Amino acid sequence: MNVSALELIVALVAIFLGSLVQGSIGFGLGIIGAPFIALVVPAALPASLVLVAFPHTIASIVREHHAIDRHVLPWMLLGAVPGTLIGLLIVTQFEGPDIAIVVGSITLFGVGLSLISASIPIKPTTSAGTGFISNVFGTASGVGGPPVALLLQRHPGPATRSTLGAFFAVSGGLSLIGYVITGTISVNQIIFSLELLPALIAGFWLSRHTHIFIDRGWLRPAMLILSAVAGAAALIRGLS
């Protein structure tokens, strides 16, 4: 996997911005990072993106661990286990455009439901369901944030960021184990993820200044806008 200086710069900028957004609202690294990395270094996906995101999830837990929603998290993780298996099947059997169409369609459907209803009811079935869908997408494409983010859109900022961080840490770990077992991760992908770490760290550090502003009533609008943009982009990419 040969990466030119320009391609590396594009990837670094994308990871920096994605890390900044995820540190501010709880998700966004995959949404912002995946399209640009797919454009310049497609061979790096999805493993490199899942790898580089892992330290971010751990840092999110450490920073706001006191606010983790310990009632909803176990159900989300319960759904993530079978979601990982389906995601691995998709990685080995389906083409990228097909995955993009499904991801985009379901994400936009979720945003639509959120706009016409007060909130998505948080109960064991919805928590497990969103955890399942999230890790199907996360394992298959590196973009699994919107389903679980939409579930937690009414939570306070610290609870949203820390709970999503804990979920992504475990679900990402499951995905990585699956990549190793199925042989869909390479040494080059691991090296590339290490090269992206400085941008990830810089974005996360800066987010400590931005999430204070986001928590002043902007968390839910930011989540809905980012999810809608991600869903539309995925759908357009899959259909083009």
Protein backbone atom coordinates (compact mmCIF):
# COMPACT_ATOMS: atom_id res chain seq x y z
CA MET A 1 0.00 0.00 0.00
CA ASN A 2 1.90 3.03 -1.29
CA VAL A 3 0.82 6.38 0.16
CA SER A 4 2.12 9.63 -1.30
CA ALA A 5 2.80 12.73 0.78
CA LEU A 6 -0.31 14.45 -0.59
CA GLU A 7 -2.52 11.44 0.13
CA LEU A 8 -1.18 11.27 3.67
CA ILE A 9 -1.87 14.99 4.22
CA VAL A 10 -5.47 14.59 3.01
CA ALA A 11 -5.96 11.62 5.35
CA LEU A 12 -4.39 13.49 8.29
CA VAL A 13 -6.65 16.51 7.81
CA ALA A 14 -9.73 14.26 7.56
CA ILE A 15 -8.81 12.39 10.75
CA PHE A 16 -8.08 15.66 12.58
CA LEU A 17 -11.50 17.08 11.67
CA GLY A 18 -13.25 13.79 12.41
CA SER A 19 -11.53 13.53 15.78
CA LEU A 20 -12.50 17.11 16.62
CA VAL A 21 -16.15 16.47 15.74
CA GLN A 22 -16.31 13.13 17.57
CA GLY A 23 -14.71 14.64 20.65
CA SER A 24 -17.35 17.39 20.56
CA ILE A 25 -20.57 15.44 19.96
CA GLY A 26 -19.66 11.76 20.48
CA PHE A 27 -19.35 10.49 16.91
CA GLY A 28 -18.18 11.65 13.49
CA LEU A 29 -14.67 10.28 13.03
CA GLY A 30 -15.81 7.58 10.63
CA ILE A 31 -18.30 9.81 8.85
CA ILE A 32 -15.71 12.46 8.06
CA GLY A 33 -12.64 10.25 7.75
CA ALA A 34 -14.02 7.39 5.64
CA PRO A 35 -14.98 9.34 2.46
CA PHE A 36 -11.61 11.08 2.20
CA ILE A 37 -9.56 7.99 3.00
CA ALA A 38 -11.67 6.03 0.50
CA LEU A 39 -10.76 8.66 -2.07
CA VAL A 40 -6.99 8.72 -1.52
CA VAL A 41 -6.12 5.36 0.13
CA PRO A 42 -9.08 2.99 -0.40
CA ALA A 43 -7.00 -0.06 0.55
CA ALA A 44 -6.81 1.29 4.11
CA LEU A 45 -10.53 0.77 4.76
CA PRO A 46 -12.17 -0.31 6.91
CA ALA A 47 -9.45 -1.66 9.21
CA SER A 48 -7.22 1.43 9.43
CA LEU A 49 -10.16 3.66 10.34
CA VAL A 50 -11.35 1.30 13.09
CA LEU A 51 -7.78 1.01 14.40
CA VAL A 52 -7.10 4.74 14.55
CA ALA A 53 -10.47 5.40 16.18
CA PHE A 54 -9.77 3.00 19.05
CA PRO A 55 -7.55 5.37 21.11
CA HIS A 56 -10.18 8.10 20.70
CA THR A 57 -12.85 5.90 22.28
CA ILE A 58 -10.61 5.12 25.25
CA ALA A 59 -9.81 8.81 25.73
CA SER A 60 -13.54 9.65 25.64
CA ILE A 61 -14.23 7.14 28.40
CA VAL A 62 -11.42 8.49 30.57
CA ARG A 63 -12.45 12.13 30.09
CA GLU A 64 -16.14 11.71 31.04
CA HIS A 65 -16.39 8.21 32.54
CA HIS A 66 -18.61 9.43 35.37
CA ALA A 67 -21.44 10.14 32.91
CA ILE A 68 -21.65 6.74 31.14
CA ASP A 69 -25.24 5.48 30.92
CA ARG A 70 -24.76 2.04 32.46
CA HIS A 71 -28.37 1.05 31.84
CA VAL A 72 -28.45 1.42 28.06
CA LEU A 73 -24.82 0.45 27.31
CA PRO A 74 -25.09 -3.32 28.04
CA TRP A 75 -28.05 -3.66 25.67
CA MET A 76 -26.23 -1.75 22.94
CA LEU A 77 -23.24 -4.07 23.34
CA LEU A 78 -25.49 -7.14 23.28
CA GLY A 79 -26.67 -6.08 19.84
CA ALA A 80 -23.13 -5.32 18.70
CA VAL A 81 -22.00 -8.96 18.95
CA PRO A 82 -24.23 -10.38 16.17
CA GLY A 83 -23.81 -7.11 14.30
CA THR A 84 -20.08 -7.78 14.09
CA LEU A 85 -20.70 -11.18 12.48
CA ILE A 86 -23.04 -9.74 9.85
CA GLY A 87 -20.60 -6.90 9.18
CA LEU A 88 -17.76 -9.37 8.59
CA LEU A 89 -19.95 -11.30 6.17
CA ILE A 90 -20.66 -8.10 4.26
CA VAL A 91 -16.95 -7.22 4.09
CA THR A 92 -16.14 -10.54 2.45
CA GLN A 93 -19.20 -10.86 0.21
CA PHE A 94 -20.48 -7.45 -0.91
CA GLU A 95 -19.17 -4.47 -2.86
CA GLY A 96 -18.68 -1.00 -1.38
CA PRO A 97 -21.51 0.71 -3.34
CA ASP A 98 -24.08 -1.80 -2.06
CA ILE A 99 -22.99 -1.17 1.53
CA ALA A 100 -23.14 2.60 1.00
CA ILE A 101 -26.74 2.46 -0.26
CA VAL A 102 -27.92 0.47 2.75
CA VAL A 103 -26.02 2.67 5.22
CA GLY A 104 -27.36 5.86 3.65
CA SER A 105 -30.96 4.69 3.43
CA ILE A 106 -31.23 3.48 7.02
CA THR A 107 -29.43 6.55 8.39
CA LEU A 108 -31.79 8.93 6.59
CA PHE A 109 -34.76 6.87 7.78
CA GLY A 110 -33.51 7.22 11.37
CA VAL A 111 -33.07 10.99 11.00
CA GLY A 112 -36.59 11.25 9.58
CA LEU A 113 -38.05 9.37 12.53
CA SER A 114 -36.16 11.63 14.92
CA LEU A 115 -37.55 14.76 13.29
CA ILE A 116 -41.20 13.66 13.40
CA SER A 117 -41.11 12.17 16.89
CA ALA A 118 -40.08 13.59 20.25
CA SER A 119 -37.38 10.95 20.67
CA ILE A 120 -36.53 7.34 20.03
CA PRO A 121 -37.75 5.37 23.07
CA ILE A 122 -34.77 4.02 24.99
CA LYS A 123 -35.54 0.47 26.06
CA PRO A 124 -33.76 -2.89 25.76
CA THR A 125 -35.13 -3.66 22.30
CA THR A 126 -34.24 -0.30 20.72
CA SER A 127 -30.85 -0.22 22.45
CA ALA A 128 -29.93 -3.71 21.25
CA GLY A 129 -31.32 -2.96 17.79
CA THR A 130 -29.29 0.20 17.31
CA GLY A 131 -26.20 -1.53 18.68
CA PHE A 132 -26.70 -4.29 16.13
CA ILE A 133 -27.18 -1.94 13.18
CA SER A 134 -24.29 0.26 14.29
CA ASN A 135 -21.77 -2.56 14.37
CA VAL A 136 -22.99 -4.06 11.12
CA PHE A 137 -22.16 -0.73 9.48
CA GLY A 138 -19.10 -0.06 11.61
CA THR A 139 -17.52 -3.43 10.82
CA ALA A 140 -18.42 -3.32 7.14
CA SER A 141 -17.51 0.27 6.37
CA GLY A 142 -15.95 1.94 9.42
CA VAL A 143 -19.01 4.21 9.76
CA GLY A 144 -21.29 3.02 12.55
CA GLY A 145 -22.00 6.16 14.56
CA PRO A 146 -25.40 7.47 13.40
CA PRO A 147 -27.71 4.66 14.68
CA VAL A 148 -26.47 4.75 18.29
CA ALA A 149 -26.02 8.53 18.20
CA LEU A 150 -29.67 8.99 17.21
CA LEU A 151 -30.70 6.74 20.09
CA LEU A 152 -28.85 8.96 22.59
CA GLN A 153 -29.67 12.32 21.01
CA ARG A 154 -31.68 13.47 24.06
CA HIS A 155 -28.93 12.60 26.56
CA PRO A 156 -26.75 15.37 28.04
CA GLY A 157 -23.47 15.93 26.23
CA PRO A 158 -21.17 14.16 28.72
CA ALA A 159 -23.46 11.09 28.86
CA THR A 160 -23.69 10.92 25.08
CA ARG A 161 -19.96 11.22 24.46
CA SER A 162 -18.87 8.83 27.20
CA THR A 163 -21.54 6.19 26.46
CA LEU A 164 -20.78 6.28 22.75
CA GLY A 165 -17.07 6.10 23.54
CA ALA A 166 -17.58 3.00 25.69
CA PHE A 167 -19.76 1.40 23.01
CA PHE A 168 -17.28 2.15 20.20
CA ALA A 169 -14.38 0.85 22.29
CA VAL A 170 -15.99 -2.58 22.72
CA SER A 171 -17.67 -2.77 19.32
CA GLY A 172 -14.49 -1.59 17.59
CA GLY A 173 -12.53 -4.22 19.49
CA LEU A 174 -14.97 -6.88 18.28
CA SER A 175 -14.53 -5.67 14.70
CA LEU A 176 -10.74 -5.78 14.98
CA ILE A 177 -10.84 -9.33 16.35
CA GLY A 178 -13.07 -10.28 13.45
CA TYR A 179 -10.68 -8.71 10.92
CA VAL A 180 -7.81 -10.75 12.35
CA ILE A 181 -9.79 -14.00 12.29
CA THR A 182 -10.99 -13.47 8.72
CA GLY A 183 -7.65 -12.13 7.47
CA THR A 184 -9.12 -8.79 6.35
CA ILE A 185 -6.48 -6.69 8.12
CA SER A 186 -2.90 -6.17 6.93
CA VAL A 187 0.38 -4.89 8.34
CA ASN A 188 0.19 -1.94 5.94
CA GLN A 189 -3.20 -0.95 7.36
CA ILE A 190 -1.80 -1.08 10.89
CA ILE A 191 1.19 1.09 9.92
CA PHE A 192 -1.07 3.59 8.17
CA SER A 193 -3.28 3.89 11.25
CA LEU A 194 -0.20 4.68 13.36
CA GLU A 195 0.75 7.44 10.92
CA LEU A 196 -2.67 9.01 11.48
CA LEU A 197 -2.42 9.05 15.28
CA PRO A 198 -0.94 12.57 15.63
CA ALA A 199 -3.94 14.06 13.81
CA LEU A 200 -6.31 12.05 16.00
CA ILE A 201 -4.63 13.27 19.20
CA ALA A 202 -4.64 16.90 18.05
CA GLY A 203 -8.35 16.79 17.17
CA PHE A 204 -9.32 15.19 20.46
CA TRP A 205 -7.27 17.72 22.44
CA LEU A 206 -8.95 20.65 20.67
CA SER A 207 -12.42 19.16 21.21
CA ARG A 208 -12.20 19.83 24.94
CA HIS A 209 -12.71 23.48 24.06
CA THR A 210 -15.55 22.94 21.57
CA HIS A 211 -17.77 20.45 23.40
CA ILE A 212 -18.56 23.07 26.05
CA PHE A 213 -20.22 25.18 23.34
CA ILE A 214 -21.95 22.16 21.79
CA ASP A 215 -23.51 21.25 25.14
CA ARG A 216 -25.39 24.58 25.21
CA GLY A 217 -28.36 23.21 23.29
CA TRP A 218 -26.52 22.33 20.06
CA LEU A 219 -25.86 18.63 20.63
CA ARG A 220 -29.06 17.24 19.12
CA PRO A 221 -29.10 19.58 16.07
CA ALA A 222 -25.44 18.77 15.41
CA MET A 223 -26.14 15.04 15.61
CA LEU A 224 -29.14 15.23 13.27
CA ILE A 225 -27.35 17.42 10.72
CA LEU A 226 -24.22 15.27 10.67
CA SER A 227 -26.26 12.05 10.43
CA ALA A 228 -28.36 13.47 7.59
CA VAL A 229 -25.30 14.64 5.66
CA ALA A 230 -23.61 11.28 6.19
CA GLY A 231 -26.68 9.35 5.07
CA ALA A 232 -27.17 11.46 1.96
CA ALA A 233 -23.48 11.25 1.04
CA ALA A 234 -23.44 7.47 1.44
CA LEU A 235 -26.59 7.09 -0.64
CA ILE A 236 -25.27 9.33 -3.44
CA ARG A 237 -21.92 7.54 -3.41
CA GLY A 238 -23.59 4.16 -3.63
CA LEU A 239 -25.89 5.17 -6.48
CA SER A 240 -23.26 7.00 -8.56
